[in-house]
């Protein structure tokens, strides 16, 4: 009586042939460099450093968007007033909008943030 049957893992590997070796990897994140650190750890640290260094730029961009939105609202309010009966008070509207924007900054946040 022969033990082992038709073959196990070894025969499956032989049947596969070179098909497994033909799939080259493009993801080297789990590999290590010569000092033993994982490459993903190094790339994550580099991306984090870039993100932190661009903080001022992101804040300036957010402030610019907020100011543009406030200006759009002010121009619209002034245009509505010019068409209506209180066309003589755009400075009053601007002052009210400025006070409102300072007391409610979350109203002027962009929706996609």
N, C-alpha and C. Protein backbone atom coordinates (compact mmCIF):
# COMPACT_ATOMS: atom_id res chain seq x y z
N UNK A 1 0.84 -1.17 0.00
CA UNK A 1 0.00 0.00 0.00
C UNK A 1 0.88 1.24 0.00
N UNK A 2 0.64 2.20 -0.94
CA UNK A 2 1.42 3.43 -1.03
C UNK A 2 0.71 4.53 -0.24
N UNK A 3 1.49 5.23 0.47
CA UNK A 3 0.92 6.33 1.25
C UNK A 3 1.12 7.65 0.50
N UNK A 4 0.24 8.63 0.72
CA UNK A 4 0.42 9.97 0.18
C UNK A 4 -0.55 10.31 -0.92
N UNK A 5 -1.17 9.39 -1.55
CA UNK A 5 -2.18 9.69 -2.56
C UNK A 5 -1.57 10.27 -3.83
N UNK A 6 -2.27 11.22 -4.43
CA UNK A 6 -1.86 11.79 -5.71
C UNK A 6 -0.79 12.86 -5.55
N UNK A 7 -0.48 13.21 -4.39
CA UNK A 7 0.50 14.28 -4.19
C UNK A 7 -0.17 15.46 -3.52
N UNK A 8 0.59 16.23 -2.84
CA UNK A 8 0.00 17.36 -2.10
C UNK A 8 0.48 18.68 -2.64
N UNK A 9 1.05 19.44 -1.77
CA UNK A 9 1.45 20.80 -2.10
C UNK A 9 2.55 20.83 -3.16
N UNK A 10 3.46 19.88 -3.09
CA UNK A 10 4.57 19.84 -4.05
C UNK A 10 4.08 19.65 -5.47
N UNK A 11 3.12 18.76 -5.66
CA UNK A 11 2.61 18.54 -7.02
C UNK A 11 1.82 19.76 -7.51
N UNK A 12 1.16 20.46 -6.59
CA UNK A 12 0.45 21.68 -7.00
C UNK A 12 1.45 22.74 -7.46
N UNK A 13 2.57 22.87 -6.76
CA UNK A 13 3.58 23.83 -7.16
C UNK A 13 4.16 23.49 -8.52
N UNK A 14 4.41 22.21 -8.76
CA UNK A 14 4.94 21.79 -10.07
C UNK A 14 3.92 22.07 -11.17
N UNK A 15 2.63 21.86 -10.87
CA UNK A 15 1.59 22.10 -11.86
C UNK A 15 1.48 23.60 -12.18
N UNK A 16 1.69 24.41 -11.19
CA UNK A 16 1.64 25.85 -11.41
C UNK A 16 2.80 26.30 -12.30
N UNK A 17 3.91 25.65 -12.19
CA UNK A 17 5.07 25.99 -13.00
C UNK A 17 5.58 27.38 -12.66
N UNK A 18 5.85 28.16 -13.66
CA UNK A 18 6.40 29.49 -13.45
C UNK A 18 5.36 30.57 -13.36
N UNK A 19 4.10 30.20 -13.29
CA UNK A 19 3.04 31.22 -13.26
C UNK A 19 3.10 32.10 -12.02
N UNK A 20 3.49 31.52 -10.89
CA UNK A 20 3.55 32.32 -9.67
C UNK A 20 4.73 33.30 -9.74
N UNK A 21 5.82 32.89 -10.35
CA UNK A 21 6.99 33.76 -10.43
C UNK A 21 6.80 34.88 -11.43
N UNK A 22 5.85 34.74 -12.34
CA UNK A 22 5.67 35.77 -13.37
C UNK A 22 4.95 36.99 -12.85
N UNK A 23 4.32 36.92 -11.68
CA UNK A 23 3.62 38.07 -11.11
C UNK A 23 4.58 38.85 -10.24
N UNK A 24 5.18 39.88 -10.81
CA UNK A 24 6.15 40.70 -10.07
C UNK A 24 5.40 41.70 -9.21
N UNK A 25 5.93 41.95 -8.05
CA UNK A 25 5.29 42.90 -7.14
C UNK A 25 5.74 44.32 -7.45
N UNK A 26 4.86 45.25 -7.22
CA UNK A 26 5.22 46.67 -7.36
C UNK A 26 5.11 47.37 -6.01
N UNK A 27 4.69 46.65 -4.99
CA UNK A 27 4.52 47.23 -3.67
C UNK A 27 5.66 46.75 -2.78
N UNK A 28 6.57 47.65 -2.51
CA UNK A 28 7.72 47.31 -1.68
C UNK A 28 7.59 47.90 -0.28
N UNK A 29 6.39 48.24 0.14
CA UNK A 29 6.20 48.90 1.43
C UNK A 29 6.58 48.00 2.60
N UNK A 30 6.39 46.70 2.46
CA UNK A 30 6.68 45.79 3.57
C UNK A 30 8.16 45.42 3.62
N UNK A 31 8.93 45.81 2.61
CA UNK A 31 10.36 45.50 2.60
C UNK A 31 11.09 46.40 3.59
N UNK A 32 12.32 46.02 3.86
CA UNK A 32 13.14 46.79 4.80
C UNK A 32 14.36 47.35 4.07
N UNK A 33 14.86 48.49 4.58
CA UNK A 33 16.09 49.02 4.02
C UNK A 33 17.28 48.38 4.71
N UNK A 34 18.48 48.83 4.38
CA UNK A 34 19.68 48.18 4.91
C UNK A 34 19.84 48.36 6.41
N UNK A 35 19.20 49.38 6.98
CA UNK A 35 19.29 49.56 8.43
C UNK A 35 18.17 48.84 9.18
N UNK A 36 17.27 48.16 8.45
CA UNK A 36 16.24 47.35 9.10
C UNK A 36 14.90 48.02 9.26
N UNK A 37 14.76 49.26 8.80
CA UNK A 37 13.48 49.94 8.93
C UNK A 37 12.58 49.61 7.74
N UNK A 38 11.28 49.53 7.99
CA UNK A 38 10.36 49.25 6.89
C UNK A 38 10.25 50.48 5.99
N UNK A 39 10.14 50.23 4.69
CA UNK A 39 10.06 51.33 3.73
C UNK A 39 8.77 52.12 3.89
N UNK A 40 7.68 51.45 4.27
CA UNK A 40 6.41 52.16 4.47
C UNK A 40 6.53 53.14 5.63
N UNK A 41 7.24 52.77 6.68
CA UNK A 41 7.43 53.65 7.82
C UNK A 41 8.18 54.91 7.39
N UNK A 42 9.19 54.73 6.56
CA UNK A 42 9.97 55.88 6.09
C UNK A 42 9.12 56.79 5.19
N UNK A 43 8.35 56.18 4.29
CA UNK A 43 7.54 57.00 3.39
C UNK A 43 6.42 57.71 4.16
N UNK A 44 5.85 57.05 5.17
CA UNK A 44 4.81 57.69 5.99
C UNK A 44 5.39 58.88 6.76
N UNK A 45 6.60 58.72 7.29
CA UNK A 45 7.23 59.82 8.03
C UNK A 45 7.51 60.99 7.10
N UNK A 46 7.93 60.69 5.88
CA UNK A 46 8.21 61.75 4.92
C UNK A 46 6.92 62.48 4.53
N UNK A 47 5.83 61.73 4.29
CA UNK A 47 4.55 62.35 3.95
C UNK A 47 4.03 63.21 5.10
N UNK A 48 4.21 62.74 6.34
CA UNK A 48 3.77 63.50 7.51
C UNK A 48 4.56 64.80 7.63
N UNK A 49 5.86 64.74 7.40
CA UNK A 49 6.70 65.94 7.47
C UNK A 49 6.27 66.95 6.41
N UNK A 50 5.95 66.49 5.21
CA UNK A 50 5.49 67.39 4.15
C UNK A 50 4.14 68.01 4.53
N UNK A 51 3.25 67.21 5.12
CA UNK A 51 1.94 67.71 5.52
C UNK A 51 2.08 68.78 6.60
N UNK A 52 2.95 68.54 7.57
CA UNK A 52 3.14 69.51 8.65
C UNK A 52 3.77 70.79 8.11
N UNK A 53 4.72 70.65 7.17
CA UNK A 53 5.38 71.84 6.64
C UNK A 53 4.44 72.68 5.78
N UNK A 54 3.38 72.08 5.24
CA UNK A 54 2.46 72.84 4.39
C UNK A 54 1.28 73.38 5.19
N UNK A 55 1.37 73.37 6.51
CA UNK A 55 0.26 73.83 7.35
C UNK A 55 -0.08 75.29 7.09
N UNK A 56 0.94 76.16 7.00
CA UNK A 56 0.69 77.57 6.76
C UNK A 56 -0.02 77.79 5.44
N UNK A 57 0.41 77.06 4.41
CA UNK A 57 -0.22 77.21 3.09
C UNK A 57 -1.69 76.78 3.15
N UNK A 58 -1.97 75.69 3.85
CA UNK A 58 -3.36 75.23 3.96
C UNK A 58 -4.22 76.26 4.71
N UNK A 59 -3.66 76.83 5.78
CA UNK A 59 -4.41 77.84 6.54
C UNK A 59 -4.66 79.09 5.70
N UNK A 60 -3.64 79.51 4.94
CA UNK A 60 -3.82 80.68 4.08
C UNK A 60 -4.89 80.42 3.03
N UNK A 61 -4.88 79.22 2.46
CA UNK A 61 -5.87 78.88 1.45
C UNK A 61 -7.28 78.88 2.06
N UNK A 62 -7.41 78.33 3.27
CA UNK A 62 -8.72 78.31 3.94
C UNK A 62 -9.19 79.73 4.25
N UNK A 63 -8.28 80.58 4.71
CA UNK A 63 -8.64 81.96 5.00
C UNK A 63 -9.03 82.70 3.73
N UNK A 64 -8.32 82.45 2.65
CA UNK A 64 -8.63 83.10 1.38
C UNK A 64 -10.03 82.68 0.90
N UNK A 65 -10.35 81.38 1.03
CA UNK A 65 -11.67 80.91 0.63
C UNK A 65 -12.77 81.56 1.48
N UNK A 66 -12.51 81.68 2.78
CA UNK A 66 -13.48 82.29 3.68
C UNK A 66 -13.69 83.76 3.33
N UNK A 67 -12.59 84.47 3.07
CA UNK A 67 -12.71 85.88 2.71
C UNK A 67 -13.47 86.05 1.39
N UNK A 68 -13.19 85.19 0.43
CA UNK A 68 -13.90 85.26 -0.84
C UNK A 68 -15.39 85.03 -0.66
N UNK A 69 -15.72 84.08 0.21
CA UNK A 69 -17.13 83.78 0.45
C UNK A 69 -17.83 84.97 1.12
N UNK A 70 -17.15 85.60 2.08
CA UNK A 70 -17.72 86.77 2.75
C UNK A 70 -17.93 87.89 1.75
N UNK A 71 -16.92 88.12 0.89
CA UNK A 71 -17.05 89.17 -0.12
C UNK A 71 -18.21 88.89 -1.07
N UNK A 72 -18.38 87.64 -1.48
CA UNK A 72 -19.50 87.27 -2.35
C UNK A 72 -20.83 87.60 -1.68
N UNK A 73 -20.94 87.26 -0.39
CA UNK A 73 -22.19 87.54 0.34
C UNK A 73 -22.42 89.04 0.47
N UNK A 74 -21.34 89.79 0.72
CA UNK A 74 -21.48 91.24 0.85
C UNK A 74 -21.90 91.87 -0.47
N UNK A 75 -21.27 91.44 -1.57
CA UNK A 75 -21.64 91.99 -2.88
C UNK A 75 -23.10 91.68 -3.20
N UNK A 76 -23.52 90.46 -2.86
CA UNK A 76 -24.91 90.10 -3.12
C UNK A 76 -25.85 90.96 -2.27
N UNK A 77 -25.52 91.14 -1.01
CA UNK A 77 -26.38 91.94 -0.13
C UNK A 77 -26.46 93.38 -0.62
N UNK A 78 -25.33 93.94 -1.06
CA UNK A 78 -25.34 95.31 -1.57
C UNK A 78 -26.17 95.42 -2.85
N UNK A 79 -26.06 94.40 -3.72
CA UNK A 79 -26.83 94.41 -4.96
C UNK A 79 -28.32 94.34 -4.66
N UNK A 80 -28.70 93.50 -3.70
CA UNK A 80 -30.12 93.39 -3.33
C UNK A 80 -30.61 94.72 -2.78
N UNK A 81 -29.79 95.37 -1.97
CA UNK A 81 -30.22 96.64 -1.39
C UNK A 81 -30.33 97.73 -2.45
N UNK A 82 -29.44 97.72 -3.43
CA UNK A 82 -29.53 98.74 -4.48
C UNK A 82 -30.80 98.58 -5.29
N UNK A 83 -31.25 97.35 -5.45
CA UNK A 83 -32.49 97.12 -6.18
C UNK A 83 -33.72 97.43 -5.33
N UNK A 84 -33.56 97.40 -4.02
CA UNK A 84 -34.69 97.63 -3.12
C UNK A 84 -34.76 99.07 -2.66
N UNK A 85 -35.46 99.30 -1.55
CA UNK A 85 -35.69 100.67 -1.09
C UNK A 85 -34.55 101.23 -0.26
N UNK A 86 -33.63 100.38 0.24
CA UNK A 86 -32.58 100.89 1.12
C UNK A 86 -31.24 100.96 0.39
N UNK A 87 -31.22 101.51 -0.77
CA UNK A 87 -30.01 101.59 -1.57
C UNK A 87 -28.98 102.54 -0.98
N UNK A 88 -29.37 103.36 -0.01
CA UNK A 88 -28.44 104.35 0.55
C UNK A 88 -27.61 103.79 1.70
N UNK A 89 -27.76 102.51 2.06
CA UNK A 89 -27.08 102.00 3.25
C UNK A 89 -26.21 100.77 3.01
N UNK A 90 -25.41 100.67 1.94
CA UNK A 90 -24.57 99.48 1.77
C UNK A 90 -23.48 99.37 2.83
N UNK A 91 -23.00 100.51 3.35
CA UNK A 91 -21.97 100.45 4.39
C UNK A 91 -22.55 99.85 5.67
N UNK A 92 -23.80 100.14 5.93
CA UNK A 92 -24.46 99.56 7.11
C UNK A 92 -24.57 98.04 6.96
N UNK A 93 -24.91 97.59 5.77
CA UNK A 93 -25.00 96.15 5.52
C UNK A 93 -23.63 95.50 5.66
N UNK A 94 -22.62 96.17 5.12
CA UNK A 94 -21.26 95.63 5.21
C UNK A 94 -20.85 95.48 6.68
N UNK A 95 -21.17 96.48 7.48
CA UNK A 95 -20.83 96.43 8.90
C UNK A 95 -21.56 95.28 9.60
N UNK A 96 -22.86 95.11 9.28
CA UNK A 96 -23.62 94.01 9.88
C UNK A 96 -23.05 92.66 9.46
N UNK A 97 -22.70 92.53 8.19
CA UNK A 97 -22.12 91.27 7.71
C UNK A 97 -20.78 90.99 8.36
N UNK A 98 -19.97 92.03 8.54
CA UNK A 98 -18.68 91.84 9.20
C UNK A 98 -18.87 91.38 10.64
N UNK A 99 -19.82 92.00 11.34
CA UNK A 99 -20.09 91.56 12.71
C UNK A 99 -20.60 90.12 12.74
N UNK A 100 -21.48 89.79 11.80
CA UNK A 100 -22.02 88.44 11.74
C UNK A 100 -20.91 87.43 11.43
N UNK A 101 -20.02 87.76 10.50
CA UNK A 101 -18.97 86.82 10.12
C UNK A 101 -17.98 86.60 11.25
N UNK A 102 -17.75 87.62 12.07
CA UNK A 102 -16.84 87.46 13.20
C UNK A 102 -17.48 86.64 14.31
N UNK A 103 -18.79 86.77 14.48
CA UNK A 103 -19.46 86.04 15.55
C UNK A 103 -19.85 84.62 15.14
N UNK A 104 -19.94 84.34 13.82
CA UNK A 104 -20.34 83.02 13.32
C UNK A 104 -19.40 82.54 12.21
N UNK A 105 -18.12 82.27 12.53
CA UNK A 105 -17.18 81.88 11.46
C UNK A 105 -17.52 80.53 10.85
N UNK A 106 -18.21 79.64 11.58
CA UNK A 106 -18.54 78.32 11.04
C UNK A 106 -19.54 78.40 9.90
N UNK A 107 -20.30 79.49 9.81
CA UNK A 107 -21.25 79.66 8.72
C UNK A 107 -20.53 79.79 7.37
N UNK A 108 -19.33 80.36 7.40
CA UNK A 108 -18.61 80.63 6.17
C UNK A 108 -17.61 79.53 5.81
N UNK A 109 -17.58 78.45 6.55
CA UNK A 109 -16.69 77.33 6.21
C UNK A 109 -17.16 76.69 4.92
N UNK A 110 -16.20 76.20 4.12
CA UNK A 110 -16.56 75.50 2.88
C UNK A 110 -17.20 74.17 3.24
N UNK A 111 -18.16 73.73 2.44
CA UNK A 111 -18.89 72.52 2.72
C UNK A 111 -18.04 71.26 2.55
N UNK A 112 -17.04 71.27 1.65
CA UNK A 112 -16.26 70.07 1.35
C UNK A 112 -15.15 69.82 2.34
N UNK A 113 -14.95 70.68 3.34
CA UNK A 113 -13.87 70.46 4.30
C UNK A 113 -14.28 69.52 5.40
